Amino acid sequence: MGQPITVTVRAGASPDVRFFECDRSLTGMAIEVYTAESPIGARPPDVLAKRLLDAGAVKVTIYSNVATVEAPADVWPELEPKATFTIEHLFEFYGDDAGWSFEARGVEPEISKVQ
């Protein structure tokens, strides 16, 4: 089992944007950009982007240790704690046998308890 990621959140200049700064890198040197129309693979940044898009984000950009998430300003009160939780727990489970996600382990994440 991996360790949780420490996340610091800050608002962008636009009310639609939040920056989630992590204590470890999520990608290499490539900038990864995702929308609902994007083909999404199975690498950790891909999985994170899919989870954030499923939670209500409209665009996710991941570069190194920062995930920039765009969503309508009115959904941020609910989305911000969910996004933080999702990022914090991205690497807790890993490996082909153990699975590295809640889904692979058959566990329902307790996002609803995050306030």
C-alpha atoms as a PDB file:
ATOM      1  CA  MET A   1       0.000   0.000   0.000  1.00  0.00           C
ATOM      2  CA  GLY A   2       1.364   3.418  -0.967  1.00  0.00           C
ATOM      3  CA  GLN A   3       1.280   6.586   1.052  1.00  0.00           C
ATOM      4  CA  PRO A   4      -1.331   9.320   0.656  1.00  0.00           C
ATOM      5  CA  ILE A   5      -0.332  12.399  -1.331  1.00  0.00           C
ATOM      6  CA  THR A   6      -0.202  15.708   0.520  1.00  0.00           C
ATOM      7  CA  VAL A   7      -2.234  18.269  -1.440  1.00  0.00           C
ATOM      8  CA  THR A   8      -2.344  22.052  -1.200  1.00  0.00           C
ATOM      9  CA  VAL A   9      -5.217  23.776  -3.001  1.00  0.00           C
ATOM     10  CA  ARG A  10      -5.226  27.319  -4.301  1.00  0.00           C
ATOM     11  CA  ALA A  11      -7.739  29.197  -6.388  1.00  0.00           C
ATOM     12  CA  GLY A  12      -6.841  30.421  -9.853  1.00  0.00           C
ATOM     13  CA  ALA A  13      -7.392  33.916 -11.209  1.00  0.00           C
ATOM     14  CA  SER A  14     -10.659  32.641 -12.700  1.00  0.00           C
ATOM     15  CA  PRO A  15     -13.324  31.321 -10.282  1.00  0.00           C
ATOM     16  CA  ASP A  16     -13.546  28.225 -12.496  1.00  0.00           C
ATOM     17  CA  VAL A  17      -9.953  27.083 -11.775  1.00  0.00           C
ATOM     18  CA  ARG A  18      -8.233  25.371  -8.847  1.00  0.00           C
ATOM     19  CA  PHE A  19      -4.596  24.301  -8.605  1.00  0.00           C
ATOM     20  CA  PHE A  20      -3.883  21.152  -6.620  1.00  0.00           C
ATOM     21  CA  GLU A  21      -0.187  21.109  -5.718  1.00  0.00           C
ATOM     22  CA  CYS A  22       1.113  17.704  -4.620  1.00  0.00           C
ATOM     23  CA  ASP A  23       4.143  16.604  -2.635  1.00  0.00           C
ATOM     24  CA  ARG A  24       5.200  14.292  -5.468  1.00  0.00           C
ATOM     25  CA  SER A  25       5.208  14.242  -9.235  1.00  0.00           C
ATOM     26  CA  LEU A  26       2.183  12.859 -11.064  1.00  0.00           C
ATOM     27  CA  THR A  27       3.677  12.996 -14.580  1.00  0.00           C
ATOM     28  CA  GLY A  28       7.015  13.251 -16.290  1.00  0.00           C
ATOM     29  CA  MET A  29       7.931  16.351 -18.273  1.00  0.00           C
ATOM     30  CA  ALA A  30       4.910  16.120 -20.584  1.00  0.00           C
ATOM     31  CA  ILE A  31       1.832  18.260 -20.020  1.00  0.00           C
ATOM     32  CA  GLU A  32      -1.240  16.033 -19.938  1.00  0.00           C
ATOM     33  CA  VAL A  33      -4.606  17.617 -20.836  1.00  0.00           C
ATOM     34  CA  TYR A  34      -7.945  15.830 -20.459  1.00  0.00           C
ATOM     35  CA  THR A  35     -11.588  16.618 -21.211  1.00  0.00           C
ATOM     36  CA  ALA A  36     -14.645  14.383 -21.325  1.00  0.00           C
ATOM     37  CA  GLU A  37     -13.956  13.809 -25.042  1.00  0.00           C
ATOM     38  CA  SER A  38     -10.325  12.769 -24.500  1.00  0.00           C
ATOM     39  CA  PRO A  39      -9.262   9.166 -24.855  1.00  0.00           C
ATOM     40  CA  ILE A  40      -8.101   8.215 -21.363  1.00  0.00           C
ATOM     41  CA  GLY A  41      -5.567   5.462 -20.718  1.00  0.00           C
ATOM     42  CA  ALA A  42      -4.612   3.566 -17.572  1.00  0.00           C
ATOM     43  CA  ARG A  43      -1.555   5.443 -16.272  1.00  0.00           C
ATOM     44  CA  PRO A  44      -1.894   7.157 -12.881  1.00  0.00           C
ATOM     45  CA  PRO A  45      -2.451  10.670 -14.362  1.00  0.00           C
ATOM     46  CA  ASP A  46      -5.049   9.197 -16.738  1.00  0.00           C
ATOM     47  CA  VAL A  47      -6.894   7.501 -13.885  1.00  0.00           C
ATOM     48  CA  LEU A  48      -6.769  10.691 -11.808  1.00  0.00           C
ATOM     49  CA  ALA A  49      -8.133  12.768 -14.688  1.00  0.00           C
ATOM     50  CA  LYS A  50     -10.986  10.315 -15.278  1.00  0.00           C
ATOM     51  CA  ARG A  51     -11.933  10.398 -11.604  1.00  0.00           C
ATOM     52  CA  LEU A  52     -11.878  14.204 -11.529  1.00  0.00           C
ATOM     53  CA  LEU A  53     -13.909  14.453 -14.743  1.00  0.00           C
ATOM     54  CA  ASP A  54     -16.417  11.946 -13.364  1.00  0.00           C
ATOM     55  CA  ALA A  55     -16.677  14.070 -10.197  1.00  0.00           C
ATOM     56  CA  GLY A  56     -17.661  17.193 -12.153  1.00  0.00           C
ATOM     57  CA  ALA A  57     -14.526  18.757 -13.652  1.00  0.00           C
ATOM     58  CA  VAL A  58     -14.720  19.852 -17.298  1.00  0.00           C
ATOM     59  CA  LYS A  59     -10.960  19.985 -17.956  1.00  0.00           C
ATOM     60  CA  VAL A  60      -7.909  18.593 -16.144  1.00  0.00           C
ATOM     61  CA  THR A  61      -4.309  19.535 -16.899  1.00  0.00           C
ATOM     62  CA  ILE A  62      -1.555  17.659 -15.093  1.00  0.00           C
ATOM     63  CA  TYR A  63       2.086  18.677 -15.212  1.00  0.00           C
ATOM     64  CA  SER A  64       4.643  17.311 -12.794  1.00  0.00           C
ATOM     65  CA  ASN A  65       3.227  17.838  -9.288  1.00  0.00           C
ATOM     66  CA  VAL A  66       0.312  20.162 -10.156  1.00  0.00           C
ATOM     67  CA  ALA A  67      -3.182  19.227 -11.311  1.00  0.00           C
ATOM     68  CA  THR A  68      -5.054  22.213 -12.713  1.00  0.00           C
ATOM     69  CA  VAL A  69      -8.771  21.521 -12.624  1.00  0.00           C
ATOM     70  CA  GLU A  70     -11.466  23.545 -14.353  1.00  0.00           C
ATOM     71  CA  ALA A  71     -15.141  23.355 -13.401  1.00  0.00           C
ATOM     72  CA  PRO A  72     -18.060  25.776 -13.184  1.00  0.00           C
ATOM     73  CA  ALA A  73     -17.570  28.137 -10.228  1.00  0.00           C
ATOM     74  CA  ASP A  74     -20.832  27.058  -8.574  1.00  0.00           C
ATOM     75  CA  VAL A  75     -19.717  23.398  -8.208  1.00  0.00           C
ATOM     76  CA  TRP A  76     -16.430  24.135  -6.406  1.00  0.00           C
ATOM     77  CA  PRO A  77     -17.863  24.093  -2.861  1.00  0.00           C
ATOM     78  CA  GLU A  78     -18.757  20.424  -3.402  1.00  0.00           C
ATOM     79  CA  LEU A  79     -16.045  19.467  -5.906  1.00  0.00           C
ATOM     80  CA  GLU A  80     -12.976  20.846  -4.100  1.00  0.00           C
ATOM     81  CA  PRO A  81     -13.052  18.436  -1.127  1.00  0.00           C
ATOM     82  CA  LYS A  82     -13.861  15.508  -3.447  1.00  0.00           C
ATOM     83  CA  ALA A  83     -10.996  16.409  -5.781  1.00  0.00           C
ATOM     84  CA  THR A  84      -8.603  16.803  -2.852  1.00  0.00           C
ATOM     85  CA  PHE A  85      -9.619  13.399  -1.464  1.00  0.00           C
ATOM     86  CA  THR A  86      -9.289  11.787  -4.896  1.00  0.00           C
ATOM     87  CA  ILE A  87      -5.763  13.126  -5.384  1.00  0.00           C
ATOM     88  CA  GLU A  88      -4.655  12.334  -1.824  1.00  0.00           C
ATOM     89  CA  HIS A  89      -5.574   8.672  -2.241  1.00  0.00           C
ATOM     90  CA  LEU A  90      -4.443   8.106  -5.845  1.00  0.00           C
ATOM     91  CA  PHE A  91      -1.369   6.027  -4.964  1.00  0.00           C
ATOM     92  CA  GLU A  92      -2.654   4.155  -1.922  1.00  0.00           C
ATOM     93  CA  PHE A  93      -3.170   0.901  -3.797  1.00  0.00           C
ATOM     94  CA  TYR A  94      -0.921  -0.253  -6.619  1.00  0.00           C
ATOM     95  CA  GLY A  95       0.409  -3.295  -8.431  1.00  0.00           C
ATOM     96  CA  ASP A  96      -1.237  -5.701 -10.845  1.00  0.00           C
ATOM     97  CA  ASP A  97      -2.165  -8.215  -8.153  1.00  0.00           C
ATOM     98  CA  ALA A  98      -3.319  -5.823  -5.458  1.00  0.00           C
ATOM     99  CA  GLY A  99      -4.755  -3.173  -7.754  1.00  0.00           C
ATOM    100  CA  TRP A 100      -3.884   0.455  -7.130  1.00  0.00           C
ATOM    101  CA  SER A 101      -7.320   1.902  -6.995  1.00  0.00           C
ATOM    102  CA  PHE A 102     -10.439   1.696  -4.899  1.00  0.00           C
ATOM    103  CA  GLU A 103     -12.189   0.108  -7.881  1.00  0.00           C
ATOM    104  CA  ALA A 104      -9.576  -2.640  -8.249  1.00  0.00           C
ATOM    105  CA  ARG A 105      -9.949  -3.501  -4.584  1.00  0.00           C
ATOM    106  CA  GLY A 106     -13.752  -3.462  -4.673  1.00  0.00           C
ATOM    107  CA  VAL A 107     -13.830  -0.634  -2.115  1.00  0.00           C
ATOM    108  CA  GLU A 108     -16.178   2.328  -2.301  1.00  0.00           C
ATOM    109  CA  PRO A 109     -14.231   5.531  -1.495  1.00  0.00           C
ATOM    110  CA  GLU A 110     -15.820   7.533   1.293  1.00  0.00           C
ATOM    111  CA  ILE A 111     -15.825  10.811  -0.618  1.00  0.00           C
ATOM    112  CA  SER A 112     -19.307  11.631   0.641  1.00  0.00           C
ATOM    113  CA  LYS A 113     -17.930  11.994   4.178  1.00  0.00           C
ATOM    114  CA  VAL A 114     -15.469  14.704   3.102  1.00  0.00           C
ATOM    115  CA  GLN A 115     -16.792  18.133   3.982  1.00  0.00           C
END
